Amino acid sequence: MSSGNFSFPTSVSYAPGCLRELSGILDTLGIRNPLLVTDPGLLGTPVVDAVKKAAGRPCTVFSEVHGNPIEADVEAGTEAFRKSGADGVLGVGGGSALDVAKIIRSRVAKPEVKLADFYSVKEWPKMAPFVAVPTTAGTGSEVGRSSVIGLGGKKQVFFHPSLLAAKVILDPELTVGLPPALTAATGMDAFTHCVESFASPVFHPLCDGIALEGAQIIVENLPKAVKNGKDLEARGQMQVAAAMGGIAFQKDLGAVHSMAHPLSALFGLHHGLTNALCLVAVMEFNAKKKAGLYARLGQALGLKDTSDGAVIDRVKKLLVECGIQSGLGAHKVTENDVAKLAAAATEDSCHATNPVKVTTKDFEELYRRCL
């Protein structure tokens, strides 16, 4: 008989303009002096200015966050928290900023524990409250209990329930300025989370339902958001779907993420884009070894033909609709890189919950298909 542990505790506010709730939220959490963590691309934009205004109190801004965050970002953010006398963290941006924002709190709670020793702590003390304000619709980091940080040249996942946000604000008005290419990449990140979490053999029927509904919402709304960034309905639906993907993948992920992580760590490629570029190859690989794997996904997407091939064709169409048609070769990945990437993918933990076993040789072939 199957067994599992289920938890969906995050409090979320969702509506155009709901950013105006921020001041009251900070009051409720007792945050008088927040450290606002964002990235250089957002710094000085109307979005950050709007968040600072909505906070209704002085904010110390920390923006030294890489697109693929590294340990140095966390250390610098922790120092900024201490020097400013902050009593809470306000994460504003995409997954990178939110991941750094949430993990800073662990370094503040136990300054003697370096990131490399994160899992040596048996019980974490209460961490500083964290409010997440995502400005993209992709990672779902705002509702996640993990943070992905580059450590020693590899992406490391730090997981603990204490990393969860106390409150999440999903305001689609904050995403309207996201360029089409980034809208597409982040949206495909969310879609990959839904597809991989559903396909994972781990028992979690709650996540299965959330993943399937999230995938359907994305297929319907992502092309609209890419085509018209001011479509608030599509933008809002994508924010919700991204959060659903973030919730769903507590069930676990698969080989696509094991391939994507080394591409980001070694080539600096956007995580969502790497997921998009690897997704079809992995789905074809999985379906060849486990027929019918994606039938329920096809049903959720409203397809009359729910065969694996038809579902994968629909995913290919989605990529085209979003303008993602190149391969890894267009991003300076070559045959000479395949062995190194495959070795790194093999060491990544995500493929342990892929629906079929993946060897290093398999990863080599999968990367070649994606070139």
Protein backbone atom coordinates (compact mmCIF):
# COMPACT_ATOMS: atom_id res chain seq x y z
CA MET A 1 0.00 0.00 0.00
CA SER A 2 1.33 3.46 -0.89
CA SER A 3 2.09 6.09 1.73
CA GLY A 4 3.17 9.74 1.80
CA ASN A 5 3.32 13.06 3.66
CA PHE A 6 1.23 15.95 2.33
CA SER A 7 1.43 19.65 3.19
CA PHE A 8 0.18 22.85 1.47
CA PRO A 9 0.53 25.59 4.10
CA THR A 10 1.45 28.74 2.16
CA SER A 11 -0.85 31.78 2.43
CA VAL A 12 -1.27 33.47 -0.96
CA SER A 13 -2.96 36.72 -2.01
CA TYR A 14 -3.85 36.84 -5.71
CA ALA A 15 -5.42 39.73 -7.64
CA PRO A 16 -4.38 42.62 -9.85
CA GLY A 17 -3.27 45.37 -7.47
CA CYS A 18 -3.03 43.15 -4.39
CA LEU A 19 0.46 44.56 -3.78
CA ARG A 20 -1.36 47.25 -1.81
CA GLU A 21 -1.82 44.65 0.96
CA LEU A 22 1.94 44.58 1.60
CA SER A 23 2.10 47.18 4.37
CA GLY A 24 -0.56 45.42 6.41
CA ILE A 25 1.13 42.06 5.84
CA LEU A 26 4.44 43.39 7.12
CA ASP A 27 2.67 44.85 10.16
CA THR A 28 1.03 41.51 10.93
CA LEU A 29 4.38 39.72 10.71
CA GLY A 30 6.09 42.34 12.86
CA ILE A 31 8.51 43.36 10.11
CA ARG A 32 9.50 46.98 10.68
CA ASN A 33 12.81 46.99 8.80
CA PRO A 34 12.76 44.57 5.85
CA LEU A 35 15.74 43.58 3.73
CA LEU A 36 14.42 43.80 0.17
CA VAL A 37 16.23 41.19 -1.92
CA THR A 38 16.03 41.58 -5.69
CA ASP A 39 18.29 41.31 -8.75
CA PRO A 40 20.24 43.93 -10.71
CA GLY A 41 17.83 43.78 -13.64
CA LEU A 42 14.90 44.87 -11.50
CA LEU A 43 16.78 47.43 -9.42
CA GLY A 44 15.59 50.91 -10.24
CA THR A 45 12.59 49.70 -12.24
CA PRO A 46 9.02 50.79 -11.48
CA VAL A 47 8.43 47.34 -9.97
CA VAL A 48 10.94 47.75 -7.15
CA ASP A 49 9.82 51.31 -6.58
CA ALA A 50 6.20 50.14 -6.36
CA VAL A 51 7.09 47.46 -3.80
CA LYS A 52 9.05 49.92 -1.68
CA LYS A 53 6.11 52.33 -1.73
CA ALA A 54 3.62 49.58 -0.87
CA ALA A 55 5.80 48.45 2.04
CA GLY A 56 5.14 51.76 3.72
CA ARG A 57 8.43 51.76 5.61
CA PRO A 58 12.14 52.11 4.84
CA CYS A 59 13.63 49.09 3.08
CA THR A 60 17.29 48.18 2.81
CA VAL A 61 17.78 46.96 -0.75
CA PHE A 62 20.16 44.11 -1.61
CA SER A 63 20.49 43.33 -5.32
CA GLU A 64 23.75 41.37 -5.67
CA VAL A 65 22.04 38.27 -7.06
CA HIS A 66 23.30 36.39 -10.11
CA GLY A 67 20.91 34.93 -12.68
CA ASN A 68 22.04 31.54 -11.39
CA PRO A 69 22.69 32.44 -7.73
CA ILE A 70 25.85 31.32 -5.96
CA GLU A 71 27.03 31.04 -2.38
CA ALA A 72 28.68 34.48 -2.51
CA ASP A 73 25.25 36.04 -3.17
CA VAL A 74 23.89 34.46 0.00
CA GLU A 75 26.90 35.54 2.06
CA ALA A 76 26.65 39.13 0.82
CA GLY A 77 22.92 39.18 1.49
CA THR A 78 23.42 37.81 4.98
CA GLU A 79 25.94 40.56 5.72
CA ALA A 80 23.49 43.17 4.41
CA PHE A 81 20.79 41.78 6.72
CA ARG A 82 23.08 42.04 9.76
CA LYS A 83 24.44 45.50 8.98
CA SER A 84 20.98 46.96 8.36
CA GLY A 85 19.48 45.50 11.51
CA ALA A 86 16.75 43.91 9.41
CA ASP A 87 14.00 41.91 11.10
CA GLY A 88 12.53 40.24 8.02
CA VAL A 89 13.12 39.54 4.34
CA LEU A 90 11.10 40.74 1.37
CA GLY A 91 11.95 38.82 -1.82
CA VAL A 92 11.09 40.59 -5.07
CA GLY A 93 11.81 39.10 -8.49
CA GLY A 94 12.18 35.73 -10.17
CA GLY A 95 13.36 32.45 -8.74
CA SER A 96 16.95 33.59 -8.29
CA ALA A 97 16.10 36.52 -6.03
CA LEU A 98 13.52 34.51 -4.11
CA ASP A 99 15.89 31.58 -3.56
CA VAL A 100 18.58 33.88 -2.20
CA ALA A 101 16.03 35.75 -0.07
CA LYS A 102 14.74 32.63 1.64
CA ILE A 103 18.12 30.98 2.29
CA ILE A 104 19.69 34.14 3.77
CA ARG A 105 17.45 33.53 6.77
CA SER A 106 19.15 30.23 7.56
CA ARG A 107 22.55 31.93 7.70
CA VAL A 108 21.09 34.59 9.99
CA ALA A 109 19.48 31.99 12.25
CA LYS A 110 22.69 29.96 12.57
CA PRO A 111 25.62 32.10 11.45
CA GLU A 112 28.10 29.39 12.40
CA VAL A 113 26.60 26.97 9.84
CA LYS A 114 27.89 27.44 6.29
CA LEU A 115 25.72 26.49 3.34
CA ALA A 116 27.79 23.37 2.73
CA ASP A 117 26.81 22.17 6.22
CA PHE A 118 23.11 23.06 5.91
CA TYR A 119 21.97 19.47 6.37
CA SER A 120 24.05 19.00 9.52
CA VAL A 121 21.40 20.99 11.41
CA LYS A 122 18.80 18.68 12.90
CA GLU A 123 16.39 21.39 14.06
CA TRP A 124 16.43 24.94 12.75
CA PRO A 125 15.49 27.76 15.12
CA LYS A 126 12.70 30.11 14.07
CA MET A 127 13.86 32.06 11.02
CA ALA A 128 13.16 35.71 10.19
CA PRO A 129 9.76 36.08 8.44
CA PHE A 130 9.84 36.05 4.67
CA VAL A 131 7.37 37.62 2.22
CA ALA A 132 7.64 36.64 -1.45
CA VAL A 133 6.61 38.95 -4.30
CA PRO A 134 7.34 37.15 -7.60
CA THR A 135 7.67 39.23 -10.75
CA THR A 136 7.88 36.26 -13.12
CA ALA A 137 5.69 33.20 -13.57
CA GLY A 138 8.02 30.24 -13.66
CA THR A 139 9.96 28.74 -10.78
CA GLY A 140 7.21 28.67 -8.18
CA SER A 141 9.96 29.46 -5.66
CA GLU A 142 7.51 31.70 -3.82
CA VAL A 143 5.61 28.66 -2.54
CA GLY A 144 8.58 26.31 -2.31
CA ARG A 145 10.40 25.03 0.74
CA SER A 146 13.72 24.81 -1.06
CA SER A 147 16.43 27.08 -2.41
CA VAL A 148 18.74 26.26 -5.34
CA ILE A 149 22.20 27.82 -4.98
CA GLY A 150 25.46 27.21 -6.85
CA LEU A 151 27.98 25.65 -4.49
CA GLY A 152 31.42 24.56 -5.68
CA GLY A 153 30.45 24.85 -9.34
CA LYS A 154 27.31 22.71 -8.94
CA LYS A 155 23.69 23.54 -8.26
CA GLN A 156 22.74 22.46 -4.76
CA VAL A 157 19.18 22.13 -3.46
CA PHE A 158 18.65 23.21 0.15
CA PHE A 159 15.35 21.91 1.49
CA HIS A 160 13.58 22.59 4.76
CA PRO A 161 9.98 23.58 5.67
CA SER A 162 11.34 26.58 7.60
CA LEU A 163 12.31 28.17 4.27
CA LEU A 164 8.65 28.63 3.31
CA ALA A 165 7.34 32.15 2.90
CA ALA A 166 4.97 33.47 5.55
CA LYS A 167 3.02 35.22 2.80
CA VAL A 168 3.02 35.29 -1.01
CA ILE A 169 1.69 38.17 -3.10
CA LEU A 170 0.70 37.25 -6.66
CA ASP A 171 -0.03 40.53 -8.42
CA PRO A 172 -0.11 40.10 -12.22
CA GLU A 173 0.41 43.84 -12.68
CA LEU A 174 4.03 43.27 -11.58
CA THR A 175 4.67 40.90 -14.52
CA VAL A 176 3.42 42.97 -17.46
CA GLY A 177 6.89 44.34 -18.24
CA LEU A 178 8.47 40.90 -18.60
CA PRO A 179 9.85 40.58 -22.19
CA PRO A 180 8.34 37.88 -24.45
CA ALA A 181 11.44 35.65 -24.45
CA LEU A 182 11.67 35.68 -20.67
CA THR A 183 7.92 35.18 -20.36
CA ALA A 184 8.27 32.10 -22.55
CA ALA A 185 11.29 30.70 -20.70
CA THR A 186 9.81 31.15 -17.24
CA GLY A 187 6.47 29.80 -18.40
CA MET A 188 8.09 26.66 -19.79
CA ASP A 189 9.89 26.26 -16.50
CA ALA A 190 6.50 26.11 -14.79
CA PHE A 191 5.20 23.70 -17.43
CA THR A 192 8.21 21.42 -16.95
CA HIS A 193 7.60 21.37 -13.20
CA CYS A 194 4.04 20.23 -13.81
CA VAL A 195 4.98 17.57 -16.38
CA GLU A 196 7.90 16.13 -14.42
CA SER A 197 6.16 16.10 -11.06
CA PHE A 198 3.13 14.36 -12.56
CA ALA A 199 5.30 11.75 -14.32
CA SER A 200 7.36 11.03 -11.20
CA PRO A 201 6.44 7.64 -9.69
CA VAL A 202 6.44 9.07 -6.15
CA PHE A 203 3.02 8.65 -4.51
CA HIS A 204 1.39 12.05 -4.11
CA PRO A 205 -2.10 12.21 -5.65
CA LEU A 206 -2.67 15.77 -4.41
CA CYS A 207 0.35 16.96 -6.39
CA ASP A 208 -0.74 14.92 -9.41
CA GLY A 209 -4.03 16.81 -9.58
CA ILE A 210 -2.34 20.17 -9.10
CA ALA A 211 0.28 19.38 -11.75
CA LEU A 212 -2.29 18.34 -14.36
CA GLU A 213 -4.44 21.43 -13.80
CA GLY A 214 -1.35 23.64 -13.82
CA ALA A 215 -0.21 22.19 -17.14
CA GLN A 216 -3.64 22.86 -18.69
CA ILE A 217 -3.64 26.47 -17.49
CA ILE A 218 -0.16 27.02 -18.94
CA VAL A 219 -0.98 25.58 -22.38
CA GLU A 220 -4.02 27.86 -22.56
CA ASN A 221 -2.41 31.04 -21.24
CA LEU A 222 1.33 31.07 -21.90
CA PRO A 223 1.09 31.83 -25.65
CA LYS A 224 -1.33 34.67 -24.82
CA ALA A 225 1.06 36.15 -22.26
CA VAL A 226 3.98 35.89 -24.70
CA LYS A 227 1.98 37.55 -27.47
CA ASN A 228 0.49 40.31 -25.32
CA GLY A 229 2.33 41.11 -22.11
CA LYS A 230 -0.47 43.43 -21.00
CA ASP A 231 -3.05 40.63 -20.94
CA LEU A 232 -3.64 40.65 -17.18
CA GLU A 233 -5.88 37.59 -17.25
CA ALA A 234 -3.22 35.49 -18.99
CA ARG A 235 -0.49 36.96 -16.77
CA GLY A 236 -2.48 36.18 -13.66
CA GLN A 237 -3.31 32.65 -14.75
CA MET A 238 0.39 32.07 -15.42
CA GLN A 239 1.28 33.27 -11.92
CA VAL A 240 -1.19 30.84 -10.42
CA ALA A 241 0.03 27.99 -12.64
CA ALA A 242 3.65 28.70 -11.71
CA ALA A 243 2.74 28.49 -8.04
CA MET A 244 0.91 25.24 -8.75
CA GLY A 245 4.03 23.86 -10.40
CA GLY A 246 6.09 24.94 -7.40
CA ILE A 247 3.68 23.14 -5.08
CA ALA A 248 3.51 20.05 -7.29
CA PHE A 249 7.22 19.43 -7.49
CA GLN A 250 7.51 18.84 -3.76
CA LYS A 251 6.54 15.40 -5.11
CA ASP A 252 9.87 15.45 -7.02
CA LEU A 253 11.14 16.05 -10.53
CA GLY A 254 13.00 14.09 -13.20
CA ALA A 255 15.70 13.88 -15.84
CA VAL A 256 14.90 17.22 -17.50
CA HIS A 257 16.02 19.05 -14.38
CA SER A 258 19.11 16.89 -14.05
CA MET A 259 20.05 17.99 -17.57
CA ALA A 260 19.10 21.63 -16.99
CA HIS A 261 21.09 22.18 -13.81
CA PRO A 262 24.55 21.58 -15.36
CA LEU A 263 23.62 23.75 -18.36
CA SER A 264 22.89 26.65 -16.02
CA ALA A 265 25.88 26.00 -13.76
CA LEU A 266 28.44 25.51 -16.56
CA PHE A 267 27.04 27.74 -19.33
CA GLY A 268 25.06 30.33 -17.39
CA LEU A 269 21.89 29.56 -19.35
CA HIS A 270 18.50 30.55 -17.96
CA HIS A 271 17.03 27.62 -16.04
CA GLY A 272 13.61 27.85 -17.66
CA LEU A 273 15.12 27.95 -21.14
CA THR A 274 17.26 24.87 -20.46
CA ASN A 275 14.19 23.00 -19.24
CA ALA A 276 12.36 23.99 -22.41
CA LEU A 277 15.22 22.86 -24.64
CA CYS A 278 15.50 19.45 -22.95
CA LEU A 279 11.85 18.64 -22.24
CA VAL A 280 10.80 17.00 -25.52
CA ALA A 281 13.85 14.72 -25.72
CA VAL A 282 13.27 13.44 -22.18
CA MET A 283 9.55 12.95 -22.74
CA GLU A 284 10.29 10.91 -25.87
CA PHE A 285 12.90 8.88 -23.97
CA ASN A 286 10.49 8.19 -21.10
CA ALA A 287 7.54 7.32 -23.35
CA LYS A 288 9.62 4.87 -25.36
CA LYS A 289 10.35 2.89 -22.20
CA LYS A 290 7.00 3.40 -20.44
CA ALA A 291 4.14 3.55 -22.92
CA GLY A 292 1.07 5.51 -21.91
CA LEU A 293 2.99 7.60 -19.37
CA TYR A 294 1.50 10.89 -20.59
CA ALA A 295 -2.07 9.78 -21.37
CA ARG A 296 -3.60 11.57 -18.37
CA LEU A 297 -1.64 14.69 -19.26
CA GLY A 298 -3.19 14.51 -22.71
CA GLN A 299 -6.65 14.26 -21.14
CA ALA A 300 -5.94 17.31 -18.97
CA LEU A 301 -4.87 19.24 -22.07
CA GLY A 302 -8.14 18.35 -23.80
CA LEU A 303 -6.59 16.22 -26.55
CA LYS A 304 -8.76 13.71 -28.39
CA ASP A 305 -5.69 11.60 -29.10
CA THR A 306 -3.97 11.01 -25.75
CA SER A 307 -1.19 8.78 -27.04
CA ASP A 308 2.31 9.72 -25.91
CA GLY A 309 3.21 10.86 -29.41
CA ALA A 310 0.21 13.18 -29.64
CA VAL A 311 0.91 14.69 -26.20
CA ILE A 312 4.55 15.28 -27.11
CA ASP A 313 3.48 16.87 -30.39
CA ARG A 314 1.30 19.25 -28.38
CA VAL A 315 4.30 20.19 -26.25
CA LYS A 316 6.32 20.83 -29.42
CA LYS A 317 3.52 23.08 -30.66
CA LEU A 318 3.54 24.98 -27.36
CA LEU A 319 7.25 25.64 -27.74
CA VAL A 320 6.72 26.98 -31.25
CA GLU A 321 3.82 29.15 -30.06
CA CYS A 322 6.18 30.63 -27.47
CA GLY A 323 9.01 31.22 -29.94
CA ILE A 324 11.36 28.57 -28.53
CA GLN A 325 12.59 26.69 -31.58
CA SER A 326 16.38 26.52 -31.32
CA GLY A 327 18.48 23.77 -29.77
CA LEU A 328 21.37 23.82 -27.31
CA GLY A 329 23.76 24.32 -30.22
CA ALA A 330 22.40 27.84 -30.67
CA HIS A 331 23.59 28.54 -27.13
CA LYS A 332 27.21 27.48 -27.71
CA VAL A 333 26.84 23.93 -26.40
CA THR A 334 28.76 21.49 -28.62
CA GLU A 335 29.47 17.78 -28.95
CA ASN A 336 32.68 18.39 -27.00
CA ASP A 337 30.59 19.35 -23.98
CA VAL A 338 28.37 16.28 -23.96
CA ALA A 339 30.50 13.99 -21.80
CA LYS A 340 31.05 16.66 -19.15
CA LEU A 341 27.38 17.57 -19.07
CA ALA A 342 26.26 13.94 -18.89
CA ALA A 343 28.58 13.26 -15.97
CA ALA A 344 27.21 16.26 -14.09
CA ALA A 345 23.62 15.28 -14.89
CA THR A 346 24.25 11.79 -13.54
CA GLU A 347 25.39 13.29 -10.22
CA ASP A 348 22.27 15.48 -10.00
CA SER A 349 19.62 14.02 -7.70
CA CYS A 350 16.51 14.94 -9.71
CA HIS A 351 16.66 11.98 -12.10
CA ALA A 352 16.38 9.58 -9.16
CA THR A 353 12.61 10.15 -9.40
CA ASN A 354 12.40 10.07 -13.20
CA PRO A 355 9.74 7.54 -14.27
CA VAL A 356 12.44 5.39 -15.92
CA LYS A 357 16.09 4.87 -15.06
CA VAL A 358 18.60 7.13 -16.80
CA THR A 359 22.27 6.20 -17.15
CA THR A 360 25.22 8.41 -18.03
CA LYS A 361 25.16 6.94 -21.54
CA ASP A 362 21.48 7.85 -21.78
CA PHE A 363 22.24 11.42 -20.73
CA GLU A 364 24.92 11.66 -23.41
CA GLU A 365 22.41 10.65 -26.07
CA LEU A 366 19.75 12.98 -24.67
CA TYR A 367 22.12 15.96 -24.80
CA ARG A 368 23.02 15.08 -28.39
CA ARG A 369 19.32 15.08 -29.32
CA CYS A 370 19.02 18.55 -27.85
CA LEU A 371 21.96 20.12 -29.70
